[in-house]
């Protein structure tokens, strides 16, 4: 089956970096789902305060079902994260392996 990579790139509010890193550390420990092979967050080289989350799913079904398995703690952290992101800076990308 073909893997799916889902990425979210955004810029965080400049004075919120420490809070952002705390949320990401906790998020990395709780983001788990059947079929989710990995979840990582990267800083974008040469772009201050720009980060990219990368989710790798083992197949399309796991990707399609991912939103259905989020728990309360993950939802809370995702909401905190949203508050730290600059408005209109978010870009989504979904890649399907061929």
Protein backbone atom coordinates (compact mmCIF):
# COMPACT_ATOMS: atom_id res chain seq x y z
CA UNK A 1 0.00 0.00 0.00
CA UNK A 2 1.07 3.55 -0.67
CA UNK A 3 2.27 5.71 2.19
CA UNK A 4 0.83 9.17 2.78
CA UNK A 5 2.84 12.15 4.02
CA UNK A 6 0.86 15.03 5.47
CA UNK A 7 2.67 18.25 6.31
CA UNK A 8 1.71 21.51 7.94
CA UNK A 9 4.04 24.49 7.62
CA UNK A 10 3.52 27.70 9.58
CA UNK A 11 5.20 30.66 11.18
CA UNK A 12 4.86 31.13 14.91
CA UNK A 13 4.44 34.44 16.70
CA UNK A 14 7.96 35.70 17.38
CA UNK A 15 7.84 35.99 21.17
CA UNK A 16 6.08 32.61 21.60
CA UNK A 17 8.98 30.30 20.67
CA UNK A 18 9.54 28.86 24.17
CA UNK A 19 5.84 28.16 24.61
CA UNK A 20 5.73 26.62 21.13
CA UNK A 21 8.65 24.30 21.91
CA UNK A 22 6.96 23.17 25.15
CA UNK A 23 3.74 22.36 23.30
CA UNK A 24 5.61 20.49 20.56
CA UNK A 25 7.59 18.40 23.08
CA UNK A 26 4.38 17.31 24.75
CA UNK A 27 2.58 16.82 21.45
CA UNK A 28 5.35 14.52 20.19
CA UNK A 29 4.81 12.29 23.22
CA UNK A 30 1.02 11.98 22.75
CA UNK A 31 0.49 11.95 18.98
CA UNK A 32 -0.07 8.28 18.23
CA UNK A 33 -2.52 6.40 16.07
CA UNK A 34 -2.81 3.09 14.33
CA UNK A 35 -1.10 3.43 10.99
CA UNK A 36 0.84 6.58 11.93
CA UNK A 37 4.48 5.63 11.35
CA UNK A 38 6.03 8.89 12.50
CA UNK A 39 5.34 12.43 13.60
CA UNK A 40 8.17 14.96 13.57
CA UNK A 41 8.54 18.72 13.65
CA UNK A 42 11.32 20.56 11.84
CA UNK A 43 12.51 24.15 11.72
CA UNK A 44 12.71 25.47 8.16
CA UNK A 45 16.31 26.38 7.30
CA UNK A 46 16.84 30.07 6.66
CA UNK A 47 13.36 31.09 7.87
CA UNK A 48 13.14 32.38 11.42
CA UNK A 49 10.16 31.03 13.39
CA UNK A 50 8.93 28.82 10.52
CA UNK A 51 8.27 25.17 11.35
CA UNK A 52 6.90 22.14 9.57
CA UNK A 53 5.09 19.17 11.07
CA UNK A 54 5.45 15.92 9.11
CA UNK A 55 3.09 12.99 9.60
CA UNK A 56 3.88 9.72 7.81
CA UNK A 57 1.00 7.25 7.51
CA UNK A 58 1.38 3.64 6.38
CA UNK A 59 -1.54 3.94 3.94
CA UNK A 60 -4.46 6.08 2.77
CA UNK A 61 -6.89 4.42 5.17
CA UNK A 62 -4.75 5.32 8.20
CA UNK A 63 -4.52 8.91 6.96
CA UNK A 64 -8.27 9.13 6.34
CA UNK A 65 -9.05 7.76 9.82
CA UNK A 66 -6.52 9.88 11.72
CA UNK A 67 -8.90 12.68 12.75
CA UNK A 68 -11.25 10.10 14.23
CA UNK A 69 -8.73 8.93 16.86
CA UNK A 70 -7.65 12.22 18.43
CA UNK A 71 -8.11 12.33 22.19
CA UNK A 72 -8.85 15.23 24.51
CA UNK A 73 -5.19 15.88 25.39
CA UNK A 74 -4.15 16.01 21.74
CA UNK A 75 -7.04 18.34 20.92
CA UNK A 76 -6.06 20.66 23.78
CA UNK A 77 -2.43 20.79 22.61
CA UNK A 78 -3.46 21.40 18.99
CA UNK A 79 -5.62 24.31 20.14
CA UNK A 80 -2.70 25.76 22.13
CA UNK A 81 -0.51 25.37 19.07
CA UNK A 82 -3.06 27.20 16.90
CA UNK A 83 -2.90 30.16 19.27
CA UNK A 84 0.87 30.41 18.71
CA UNK A 85 0.74 30.44 14.89
CA UNK A 86 0.73 33.71 12.93
CA UNK A 87 -2.58 34.23 11.12
CA UNK A 88 -2.64 33.26 7.44
CA UNK A 89 0.78 31.58 7.58
CA UNK A 90 -0.36 27.95 7.54
CA UNK A 91 0.19 25.77 4.47
CA UNK A 92 -0.97 22.17 4.14
CA UNK A 93 0.42 19.53 1.81
CA UNK A 94 -0.60 15.91 1.33
CA UNK A 95 1.67 13.58 -0.65
CA UNK A 96 0.65 10.13 -1.85
CA UNK A 97 3.40 7.61 -2.61
CA UNK A 98 3.37 6.22 -6.14
